[in-house]
């Protein structure tokens, strides 16, 4: 298993977005020596850490292209429909890419692009 670590300017707002819009369970560790949230959904875990006032710069802006996370997901159709219903911004709807992955891409509250896909 692996985990993504996402810095966020407002980790409480980011945790709320993932919990209420994307169906994750948010667990607060704000009283820890290094305050953070853990977000859980199925076998996926994301750890949110607090920036020191810096805004989040997505990979596509910092490096010219690229996602900020890629989660292997078998049930893309249902997951995409769930996200659409909850108001998550779909950047790229479900499609087969030129590298033969079936995937869709969403944008989170911090403007990160998160892909959900699998080899077709």
Protein backbone atom coordinates (compact mmCIF):
# COMPACT_ATOMS: atom_id res chain seq x y z
CA UNK A 1 0.00 0.00 0.00
CA UNK A 2 1.03 3.58 -0.52
CA UNK A 3 -0.29 6.97 0.49
CA UNK A 4 -0.35 10.37 -1.14
CA UNK A 5 0.70 13.35 0.93
CA UNK A 6 -0.99 16.59 -0.07
CA UNK A 7 0.06 19.88 1.47
CA UNK A 8 -2.88 22.28 1.82
CA UNK A 9 -3.18 25.91 2.84
CA UNK A 10 -6.36 25.08 4.80
CA UNK A 11 -6.30 21.38 5.69
CA UNK A 12 -9.70 21.56 7.39
CA UNK A 13 -11.35 22.90 4.21
CA UNK A 14 -9.54 20.32 2.07
CA UNK A 15 -10.54 17.50 4.44
CA UNK A 16 -14.15 18.68 4.33
CA UNK A 17 -14.12 18.69 0.51
CA UNK A 18 -12.79 15.14 0.34
CA UNK A 19 -15.25 13.96 2.97
CA UNK A 20 -18.41 15.64 1.67
CA UNK A 21 -17.75 15.70 -2.08
CA UNK A 22 -15.57 12.66 -2.70
CA UNK A 23 -16.79 10.21 -0.06
CA UNK A 24 -13.63 9.90 2.02
CA UNK A 25 -13.65 9.49 5.79
CA UNK A 26 -11.58 12.28 7.38
CA UNK A 27 -9.73 11.63 10.64
CA UNK A 28 -8.20 14.65 12.35
CA UNK A 29 -4.77 14.60 13.95
CA UNK A 30 -4.61 18.37 14.42
CA UNK A 31 -3.31 17.97 17.99
CA UNK A 32 -0.30 15.92 16.87
CA UNK A 33 3.23 17.37 16.84
CA UNK A 34 2.86 17.55 13.06
CA UNK A 35 -0.84 18.41 12.53
CA UNK A 36 -2.51 16.51 9.71
CA UNK A 37 -5.65 14.75 8.50
CA UNK A 38 -5.86 11.21 7.17
CA UNK A 39 -8.46 10.63 4.47
CA UNK A 40 -9.69 7.08 3.86
CA UNK A 41 -11.75 5.54 1.09
CA UNK A 42 -11.57 1.83 0.30
CA UNK A 43 -7.84 1.03 -0.05
CA UNK A 44 -6.90 4.66 -0.71
CA UNK A 45 -5.37 6.91 1.93
CA UNK A 46 -4.40 10.54 1.55
CA UNK A 47 -2.53 12.47 4.22
CA UNK A 48 -3.13 16.23 4.36
CA UNK A 49 -0.42 18.44 5.84
CA UNK A 50 -0.56 22.18 6.52
CA UNK A 51 1.51 24.53 4.35
CA UNK A 52 3.19 27.51 5.96
CA UNK A 53 0.99 29.95 4.08
CA UNK A 54 2.06 28.87 0.60
CA UNK A 55 -0.61 28.15 -1.98
CA UNK A 56 -0.71 24.73 -3.59
CA UNK A 57 0.78 24.71 -7.09
CA UNK A 58 -0.54 21.77 -9.13
CA UNK A 59 1.98 19.74 -11.17
CA UNK A 60 0.51 20.92 -14.48
CA UNK A 61 1.24 24.55 -13.51
CA UNK A 62 4.63 23.92 -11.93
CA UNK A 63 5.98 21.51 -14.56
CA UNK A 64 3.79 22.05 -17.63
CA UNK A 65 1.69 18.88 -17.39
CA UNK A 66 0.88 15.95 -15.13
CA UNK A 67 -1.56 14.77 -12.51
CA UNK A 68 -1.03 15.28 -8.81
CA UNK A 69 -2.15 11.74 -7.97
CA UNK A 70 -3.23 8.63 -9.85
CA UNK A 71 -5.42 6.06 -8.13
CA UNK A 72 -5.92 2.60 -9.64
CA UNK A 73 -9.70 2.19 -9.77
CA UNK A 74 -11.81 -0.59 -11.23
CA UNK A 75 -15.26 1.00 -10.96
CA UNK A 76 -14.67 4.24 -12.86
CA UNK A 77 -18.20 4.56 -14.32
CA UNK A 78 -19.90 4.43 -10.91
CA UNK A 79 -17.26 6.59 -9.25
CA UNK A 80 -17.43 9.26 -11.95
CA UNK A 81 -21.24 9.33 -11.66
CA UNK A 82 -20.97 9.67 -7.88
CA UNK A 83 -18.55 12.59 -8.22
CA UNK A 84 -20.74 14.32 -10.83
CA UNK A 85 -23.77 14.04 -8.49
CA UNK A 86 -21.81 15.51 -5.59
CA UNK A 87 -20.54 18.45 -7.64
CA UNK A 88 -16.89 17.47 -8.08
CA UNK A 89 -15.38 19.18 -11.14
CA UNK A 90 -14.66 16.61 -13.87
CA UNK A 91 -11.65 17.75 -15.91
CA UNK A 92 -11.54 14.80 -18.29
CA UNK A 93 -14.51 12.42 -18.48
CA UNK A 94 -13.96 8.68 -18.62
CA UNK A 95 -12.08 7.72 -21.76
CA UNK A 96 -9.31 5.44 -23.02
CA UNK A 97 -6.04 7.35 -23.24
CA UNK A 98 -3.39 7.10 -25.93
CA UNK A 99 -1.38 4.98 -23.45
CA UNK A 100 -4.29 2.50 -23.08
CA UNK A 101 -5.54 3.46 -19.64
CA UNK A 102 -9.23 3.85 -18.99
CA UNK A 103 -9.43 6.89 -16.74
CA UNK A 104 -11.15 10.08 -15.71
CA UNK A 105 -9.72 13.15 -13.99
CA UNK A 106 -11.19 15.42 -11.33
CA UNK A 107 -10.04 18.67 -9.77
CA UNK A 108 -10.01 19.02 -5.99
CA UNK A 109 -10.54 22.13 -3.88
CA UNK A 110 -6.80 22.96 -4.10
CA UNK A 111 -6.82 22.68 -7.92
CA UNK A 112 -4.99 19.34 -7.93
CA UNK A 113 -5.82 17.00 -10.81
CA UNK A 114 -6.56 13.51 -9.53
CA UNK A 115 -6.84 10.65 -12.04
CA UNK A 116 -8.81 7.44 -11.43
CA UNK A 117 -7.83 4.76 -13.91
CA UNK A 118 -6.62 1.33 -14.85
CA UNK A 119 -5.02 -0.39 -17.85
CA UNK A 120 -7.74 -1.24 -20.36
